[in-house]
Every structure is written in structure tokens, then in C-alpha cells.
Amino acid sequence: MTIDGMNASSMKKIFCSSCGCIVGLDGNLVSVKSKLGKDVECMRCRNARISRDIDSMNEHFEGIPEEACSEF
């Protein structure tokens, strides 16, 4: 058993589709993502993608800052 309560036998080694590293993830997570047709990513790449998505949404919904408008 690992610290977070996940059984070590349920871990599955995967190839991160973004950076190419091999990481151990929960087998159920990998199975669900595969069934949904989603890419399986390591935690670092997943966090970076989510951060980019949040920044993109913030830019879209908050508009362009006034300082940036003066440049155009």
C-alpha cells in the first residue's frame, strides 16, 4: 500500500503522450482515459496543460488588458 492508500499492484506504467517519460499511474485512471479517447499524461504535463487552459480562458473572458491595447 502506498501513502495515499492506492494499492501498488493497481499501478500501471504508461508512456506520457506529451513529454515521453514513463510514469506509474493508477490502472483505473489509465483505463478510463483510454475508453474516453483521451491522451494519458504524466502529472507534470497534465498540470502544465491545465495551467495553459486556465490562462487561455482567463484571457478570453477577461479581455485584453488596456496596456496591451495601446500596443496595437
PDB file of N, CA and C in Angstrom:
ATOM      1  N   MET A   1       0.840  -1.180   0.000  1.00  0.00           N
ATOM      2  CA  MET A   1       0.000   0.000   0.000  1.00  0.00           C
ATOM      3  C   MET A   1       0.886   1.245   0.000  1.00  0.00           C
ATOM      4  N   THR A   2       0.518   2.225  -0.782  1.00  0.00           N
ATOM      5  CA  THR A   2       1.265   3.479  -0.788  1.00  0.00           C
ATOM      6  C   THR A   2       0.675   4.429   0.250  1.00  0.00           C
ATOM      7  N   ILE A   3       1.303   5.568   0.430  1.00  0.00           N
ATOM      8  CA  ILE A   3       0.872   6.531   1.450  1.00  0.00           C
ATOM      9  C   ILE A   3      -0.555   7.001   1.211  1.00  0.00           C
ATOM     10  N   ASP A   4      -0.932   7.234  -0.034  1.00  0.00           N
ATOM     11  CA  ASP A   4      -2.264   7.757  -0.330  1.00  0.00           C
ATOM     12  C   ASP A   4      -3.335   6.670  -0.375  1.00  0.00           C
ATOM     13  N   GLY A   5      -2.993   5.454  -0.024  1.00  0.00           N
ATOM     14  CA  GLY A   5      -3.972   4.377   0.050  1.00  0.00           C
ATOM     15  C   GLY A   5      -4.165   3.623  -1.257  1.00  0.00           C
ATOM     16  N   MET A   6      -3.444   3.963  -2.303  1.00  0.00           N
ATOM     17  CA  MET A   6      -3.573   3.261  -3.564  1.00  0.00           C
ATOM     18  C   MET A   6      -2.712   2.002  -3.513  1.00  0.00           C
ATOM     19  N   ASN A   7      -3.275   0.911  -3.906  1.00  0.00           N
ATOM     20  CA  ASN A   7      -2.572  -0.357  -3.901  1.00  0.00           C
ATOM     21  C   ASN A   7      -1.495  -0.343  -4.986  1.00  0.00           C
ATOM     22  N   ALA A   8      -0.291  -0.711  -4.628  1.00  0.00           N
ATOM     23  CA  ALA A   8       0.823  -0.697  -5.581  1.00  0.00           C
ATOM     24  C   ALA A   8       0.582  -1.639  -6.754  1.00  0.00           C
ATOM     25  N   SER A   9      -0.210  -2.685  -6.548  1.00  0.00           N
ATOM     26  CA  SER A   9      -0.483  -3.622  -7.642  1.00  0.00           C
ATOM     27  C   SER A   9      -1.420  -3.034  -8.686  1.00  0.00           C
ATOM     28  N   SER A  10      -2.139  -1.966  -8.355  1.00  0.00           N
ATOM     29  CA  SER A  10      -3.035  -1.342  -9.332  1.00  0.00           C
ATOM     30  C   SER A  10      -2.309  -0.311 -10.187  1.00  0.00           C
ATOM     31  N   MET A  11      -1.025  -0.079  -9.895  1.00  0.00           N
ATOM     32  CA  MET A  11      -0.243   0.877 -10.667  1.00  0.00           C
ATOM     33  C   MET A  11       0.091   0.299 -12.036  1.00  0.00           C
ATOM     34  N   LYS A  12       0.102   1.169 -13.026  1.00  0.00           N
ATOM     35  CA  LYS A  12       0.400   0.754 -14.393  1.00  0.00           C
ATOM     36  C   LYS A  12       1.426   1.730 -14.964  1.00  0.00           C
ATOM     37  N   LYS A  13       2.466   1.223 -15.568  1.00  0.00           N
ATOM     38  CA  LYS A  13       3.480   2.072 -16.194  1.00  0.00           C
ATOM     39  C   LYS A  13       2.940   2.535 -17.546  1.00  0.00           C
ATOM     40  N   ILE A  14       2.973   3.849 -17.762  1.00  0.00           N
ATOM     41  CA  ILE A  14       2.478   4.411 -19.016  1.00  0.00           C
ATOM     42  C   ILE A  14       3.538   5.316 -19.627  1.00  0.00           C
ATOM     43  N   PHE A  15       3.374   5.568 -20.911  1.00  0.00           N
ATOM     44  CA  PHE A  15       4.222   6.463 -21.682  1.00  0.00           C
ATOM     45  C   PHE A  15       3.461   7.775 -21.820  1.00  0.00           C
ATOM     46  N   CYS A  16       3.994   8.868 -21.284  1.00  0.00           N
ATOM     47  CA  CYS A  16       3.334  10.173 -21.357  1.00  0.00           C
ATOM     48  C   CYS A  16       3.287  10.618 -22.818  1.00  0.00           C
ATOM     49  N   SER A  17       2.082  10.942 -23.281  1.00  0.00           N
ATOM     50  CA  SER A  17       1.923  11.331 -24.675  1.00  0.00           C
ATOM     51  C   SER A  17       2.488  12.718 -24.968  1.00  0.00           C
ATOM     52  N   SER A  18       2.763  13.511 -23.927  1.00  0.00           N
ATOM     53  CA  SER A  18       3.275  14.870 -24.132  1.00  0.00           C
ATOM     54  C   SER A  18       4.795  14.950 -24.088  1.00  0.00           C
ATOM     55  N   CYS A  19       5.397  14.424 -23.012  1.00  0.00           N
ATOM     56  CA  CYS A  19       6.855  14.573 -22.857  1.00  0.00           C
ATOM     57  C   CYS A  19       7.634  13.284 -23.120  1.00  0.00           C
ATOM     58  N   GLY A  20       6.948  12.154 -23.139  1.00  0.00           N
ATOM     59  CA  GLY A  20       7.614  10.898 -23.453  1.00  0.00           C
ATOM     60  C   GLY A  20       8.203  10.152 -22.276  1.00  0.00           C
ATOM     61  N   CYS A  21       8.018  10.647 -21.056  1.00  0.00           N
ATOM     62  CA  CYS A  21       8.573   9.926 -19.910  1.00  0.00           C
ATOM     63  C   CYS A  21       7.643   8.762 -19.528  1.00  0.00           C
ATOM     64  N   ILE A  22       8.194   7.814 -18.824  1.00  0.00           N
ATOM     65  CA  ILE A  22       7.422   6.662 -18.367  1.00  0.00           C
ATOM     66  C   ILE A  22       7.141   6.856 -16.886  1.00  0.00           C
ATOM     67  N   VAL A  23       5.849   6.836 -16.520  1.00  0.00           N
ATOM     68  CA  VAL A  23       5.435   7.067 -15.139  1.00  0.00           C
ATOM     69  C   VAL A  23       4.446   5.998 -14.699  1.00  0.00           C
ATOM     70  N   GLY A  24       4.335   5.823 -13.389  1.00  0.00           N
ATOM     71  CA  GLY A  24       3.370   4.890 -12.833  1.00  0.00           C
ATOM     72  C   GLY A  24       2.089   5.617 -12.463  1.00  0.00           C
ATOM     73  N   LEU A  25       0.972   5.200 -13.039  1.00  0.00           N
ATOM     74  CA  LEU A  25      -0.333   5.781 -12.738  1.00  0.00           C
ATOM     75  C   LEU A  25      -1.298   4.682 -12.337  1.00  0.00           C
ATOM     76  N   ASP A  26      -2.393   5.069 -11.711  1.00  0.00           N
ATOM     77  CA  ASP A  26      -3.430   4.131 -11.334  1.00  0.00           C
ATOM     78  C   ASP A  26      -4.014   3.485 -12.588  1.00  0.00           C
ATOM     79  N   GLY A  27      -4.113   2.165 -12.586  1.00  0.00           N
ATOM     80  CA  GLY A  27      -4.616   1.430 -13.734  1.00  0.00           C
ATOM     81  C   GLY A  27      -6.034   1.817 -14.108  1.00  0.00           C
ATOM     82  N   ASN A  28      -6.892   2.130 -13.113  1.00  0.00           N
ATOM     83  CA  ASN A  28      -8.265   2.536 -13.399  1.00  0.00           C
ATOM     84  C   ASN A  28      -8.301   3.863 -14.156  1.00  0.00           C
ATOM     85  N   LEU A  29      -7.446   4.799 -13.767  1.00  0.00           N
ATOM     86  CA  LEU A  29      -7.366   6.091 -14.444  1.00  0.00           C
ATOM     87  C   LEU A  29      -6.958   5.904 -15.902  1.00  0.00           C
ATOM     88  N   VAL A  30      -5.968   5.081 -16.127  1.00  0.00           N
ATOM     89  CA  VAL A  30      -5.488   4.822 -17.484  1.00  0.00           C
ATOM     90  C   VAL A  30      -6.598   4.180 -18.314  1.00  0.00           C
ATOM     91  N   SER A  31      -7.322   3.245 -17.731  1.00  0.00           N
ATOM     92  CA  SER A  31      -8.412   2.561 -18.426  1.00  0.00           C
ATOM     93  C   SER A  31      -9.523   3.535 -18.823  1.00  0.00           C
ATOM     94  N   VAL A  32      -9.926   4.387 -17.902  1.00  0.00           N
ATOM     95  CA  VAL A  32     -10.998   5.352 -18.180  1.00  0.00           C
ATOM     96  C   VAL A  32     -10.573   6.334 -19.264  1.00  0.00           C
ATOM     97  N   LYS A  33      -9.359   6.859 -19.162  1.00  0.00           N
ATOM     98  CA  LYS A  33      -8.878   7.816 -20.162  1.00  0.00           C
ATOM     99  C   LYS A  33      -8.809   7.164 -21.547  1.00  0.00           C
ATOM    100  N   SER A  34      -8.373   5.916 -21.597  1.00  0.00           N
ATOM    101  CA  SER A  34      -8.298   5.215 -22.873  1.00  0.00           C
ATOM    102  C   SER A  34      -9.688   5.019 -23.478  1.00  0.00           C
ATOM    103  N   LYS A  35     -10.647   4.644 -22.643  1.00  0.00           N
ATOM    104  CA  LYS A  35     -12.024   4.458 -23.131  1.00  0.00           C
ATOM    105  C   LYS A  35     -12.631   5.751 -23.648  1.00  0.00           C
ATOM    106  N   LEU A  36     -12.247   6.877 -23.055  1.00  0.00           N
ATOM    107  CA  LEU A  36     -12.756   8.177 -23.479  1.00  0.00           C
ATOM    108  C   LEU A  36     -11.992   8.751 -24.673  1.00  0.00           C
ATOM    109  N   GLY A  37     -10.923   8.066 -25.064  1.00  0.00           N
ATOM    110  CA  GLY A  37     -10.125   8.518 -26.202  1.00  0.00           C
ATOM    111  C   GLY A  37      -9.217   9.687 -25.873  1.00  0.00           C
ATOM    112  N   LYS A  38      -8.917   9.871 -24.585  1.00  0.00           N
ATOM    113  CA  LYS A  38      -8.062  10.969 -24.158  1.00  0.00           C
ATOM    114  C   LYS A  38      -6.613  10.506 -24.059  1.00  0.00           C
ATOM    115  N   ASP A  39      -5.705  11.462 -24.217  1.00  0.00           N
ATOM    116  CA  ASP A  39      -4.286  11.169 -24.046  1.00  0.00           C
ATOM    117  C   ASP A  39      -3.985  10.966 -22.568  1.00  0.00           C
ATOM    118  N   VAL A  40      -3.067  10.059 -22.274  1.00  0.00           N
ATOM    119  CA  VAL A  40      -2.632   9.828 -20.903  1.00  0.00           C
ATOM    120  C   VAL A  40      -1.339  10.600 -20.702  1.00  0.00           C
ATOM    121  N   GLU A  41      -1.339  11.486 -19.693  1.00  0.00           N
ATOM    122  CA  GLU A  41      -0.199  12.357 -19.439  1.00  0.00           C
ATOM    123  C   GLU A  41       0.343  12.132 -18.035  1.00  0.00           C
ATOM    124  N   CYS A  42       1.617  12.447 -17.856  1.00  0.00           N
ATOM    125  CA  CYS A  42       2.190  12.433 -16.506  1.00  0.00           C
ATOM    126  C   CYS A  42       1.641  13.654 -15.750  1.00  0.00           C
ATOM    127  N   MET A  43       1.822  13.687 -14.456  1.00  0.00           N
ATOM    128  CA  MET A  43       1.268  14.770 -13.641  1.00  0.00           C
ATOM    129  C   MET A  43       1.857  16.137 -14.020  1.00  0.00           C
ATOM    130  N   ARG A  44       3.144  16.174 -14.347  1.00  0.00           N
ATOM    131  CA  ARG A  44       3.767  17.444 -14.707  1.00  0.00           C
ATOM    132  C   ARG A  44       3.144  18.017 -15.979  1.00  0.00           C
ATOM    133  N   CYS A  45       2.972  17.183 -16.993  1.00  0.00           N
ATOM    134  CA  CYS A  45       2.385  17.648 -18.254  1.00  0.00           C
ATOM    135  C   CYS A  45       0.910  17.987 -18.084  1.00  0.00           C
ATOM    136  N   ARG A  46       0.210  17.210 -17.272  1.00  0.00           N
ATOM    137  CA  ARG A  46      -1.209  17.479 -17.007  1.00  0.00           C
ATOM    138  C   ARG A  46      -1.368  18.829 -16.326  1.00  0.00           C
ATOM    139  N   ASN A  47      -0.548  19.089 -15.309  1.00  0.00           N
ATOM    140  CA  ASN A  47      -0.623  20.368 -14.603  1.00  0.00           C
ATOM    141  C   ASN A  47      -0.284  21.535 -15.518  1.00  0.00           C
ATOM    142  N   ALA A  48       0.715  21.366 -16.379  1.00  0.00           N
ATOM    143  CA  ALA A  48       1.097  22.424 -17.312  1.00  0.00           C
ATOM    144  C   ALA A  48      -0.031  22.691 -18.309  1.00  0.00           C
ATOM    145  N   ARG A  49      -0.679  21.637 -18.810  1.00  0.00           N
ATOM    146  CA  ARG A  49      -1.788  21.791 -19.750  1.00  0.00           C
ATOM    147  C   ARG A  49      -2.956  22.510 -19.092  1.00  0.00           C
ATOM    148  N   ILE A  50      -3.298  22.121 -17.874  1.00  0.00           N
ATOM    149  CA  ILE A  50      -4.398  22.761 -17.159  1.00  0.00           C
ATOM    150  C   ILE A  50      -4.087  24.235 -16.915  1.00  0.00           C
ATOM    151  N   SER A  51      -2.851  24.541 -16.555  1.00  0.00           N
ATOM    152  CA  SER A  51      -2.451  25.931 -16.339  1.00  0.00           C
ATOM    153  C   SER A  51      -2.597  26.751 -17.615  1.00  0.00           C
ATOM    154  N   ARG A  52      -2.169  26.185 -18.751  1.00  0.00           N
ATOM    155  CA  ARG A  52      -2.325  26.882 -20.034  1.00  0.00           C
ATOM    156  C   ARG A  52      -3.802  27.087 -20.362  1.00  0.00           C
ATOM    157  N   ASP A  53      -4.624  26.078 -20.110  1.00  0.00           N
ATOM    158  CA  ASP A  53      -6.064  26.185 -20.374  1.00  0.00           C
ATOM    159  C   ASP A  53      -6.698  27.277 -19.518  1.00  0.00           C
ATOM    160  N   ILE A  54      -6.331  27.332 -18.254  1.00  0.00           N
ATOM    161  CA  ILE A  54      -6.869  28.362 -17.351  1.00  0.00           C
ATOM    162  C   ILE A  54      -6.438  29.746 -17.817  1.00  0.00           C
ATOM    163  N   ASP A  55      -5.161  29.901 -18.172  1.00  0.00           N
ATOM    164  CA  ASP A  55      -4.671  31.195 -18.664  1.00  0.00           C
ATOM    165  C   ASP A  55      -5.414  31.612 -19.932  1.00  0.00           C
ATOM    166  N   SER A  56      -5.638  30.664 -20.826  1.00  0.00           N
ATOM    167  CA  SER A  56      -6.347  30.944 -22.071  1.00  0.00           C
ATOM    168  C   SER A  56      -7.787  31.375 -21.802  1.00  0.00           C
ATOM    169  N   MET A  57      -8.449  30.674 -20.884  1.00  0.00           N
ATOM    170  CA  MET A  57      -9.829  31.038 -20.543  1.00  0.00           C
ATOM    171  C   MET A  57      -9.884  32.406 -19.880  1.00  0.00           C
ATOM    172  N   ASN A  58      -8.925  32.690 -18.990  1.00  0.00           N
ATOM    173  CA  ASN A  58      -8.882  33.998 -18.343  1.00  0.00           C
ATOM    174  C   ASN A  58      -8.706  35.110 -19.369  1.00  0.00           C
ATOM    175  N   GLU A  59      -7.801  34.918 -20.328  1.00  0.00           N
ATOM    176  CA  GLU A  59      -7.596  35.915 -21.375  1.00  0.00           C
ATOM    177  C   GLU A  59      -8.858  36.105 -22.201  1.00  0.00           C
ATOM    178  N   HIS A  60      -9.534  35.013 -22.508  1.00  0.00           N
ATOM    179  CA  HIS A  60     -10.744  35.087 -23.325  1.00  0.00           C
ATOM    180  C   HIS A  60     -11.871  35.833 -22.613  1.00  0.00           C
ATOM    181  N   PHE A  61     -12.120  35.489 -21.350  1.00  0.00           N
ATOM    182  CA  PHE A  61     -13.254  36.052 -20.643  1.00  0.00           C
ATOM    183  C   PHE A  61     -12.967  37.401 -19.999  1.00  0.00           C
ATOM    184  N   GLU A  62     -11.717  37.696 -19.705  1.00  0.00           N
ATOM    185  CA  GLU A  62     -11.374  38.980 -19.098  1.00  0.00           C
ATOM    186  C   GLU A  62     -11.010  40.025 -20.142  1.00  0.00           C
ATOM    187  N   GLY A  63     -10.784  39.599 -21.364  1.00  0.00           N
ATOM    188  CA  GLY A  63     -10.420  40.532 -22.419  1.00  0.00           C
ATOM    189  C   GLY A  63      -8.954  40.893 -22.370  1.00  0.00           C
ATOM    190  N   ILE A  64      -8.550  41.697 -23.307  1.00  0.00           N
ATOM    191  CA  ILE A  64      -7.158  42.134 -23.396  1.00  0.00           C
ATOM    192  C   ILE A  64      -6.964  43.304 -22.436  1.00  0.00           C
ATOM    193  N   PRO A  65      -5.928  43.283 -21.606  1.00  0.00           N
ATOM    194  CA  PRO A  65      -5.671  44.402 -20.690  1.00  0.00           C
ATOM    195  C   PRO A  65      -5.463  45.709 -21.470  1.00  0.00           C
ATOM    196  N   GLU A  66      -5.837  46.824 -20.881  1.00  0.00           N
ATOM    197  CA  GLU A  66      -5.741  48.124 -21.557  1.00  0.00           C
ATOM    198  C   GLU A  66      -4.309  48.451 -21.978  1.00  0.00           C
ATOM    199  N   GLU A  67      -3.316  48.038 -21.178  1.00  0.00           N
ATOM    200  CA  GLU A  67      -1.923  48.309 -21.526  1.00  0.00           C
ATOM    201  C   GLU A  67      -1.576  47.638 -22.861  1.00  0.00           C
ATOM    202  N   ALA A  68      -2.101  46.440 -23.065  1.00  0.00           N
ATOM    203  CA  ALA A  68      -1.796  45.706 -24.302  1.00  0.00           C
ATOM    204  C   ALA A  68      -2.505  46.330 -25.497  1.00  0.00           C
ATOM    205  N   CYS A  69      -3.654  46.959 -25.272  1.00  0.00           N
ATOM    206  CA  CYS A  69      -4.398  47.590 -26.372  1.00  0.00           C
ATOM    207  C   CYS A  69      -3.638  48.763 -26.966  1.00  0.00           C
ATOM    208  N   SER A  70      -2.884  49.473 -26.159  1.00  0.00           N
ATOM    209  CA  SER A  70      -2.154  50.642 -26.652  1.00  0.00           C
ATOM    210  C   SER A  70      -1.037  50.245 -27.600  1.00  0.00           C
ATOM    211  N   GLU A  71      -0.611  48.981 -27.544  1.00  0.00           N
ATOM    212  CA  GLU A  71       0.452  48.498 -28.422  1.00  0.00           C
ATOM    213  C   GLU A  71      -0.054  48.305 -29.846  1.00  0.00           C
ATOM    214  N   PHE A  72      -1.354  48.101 -30.014  1.00  0.00           N
ATOM    215  CA  PHE A  72      -1.913  47.839 -31.330  1.00  0.00           C
ATOM    216  C   PHE A  72      -2.286  49.137 -31.931  1.00  0.00           C
TER     217      PHE A  72
END
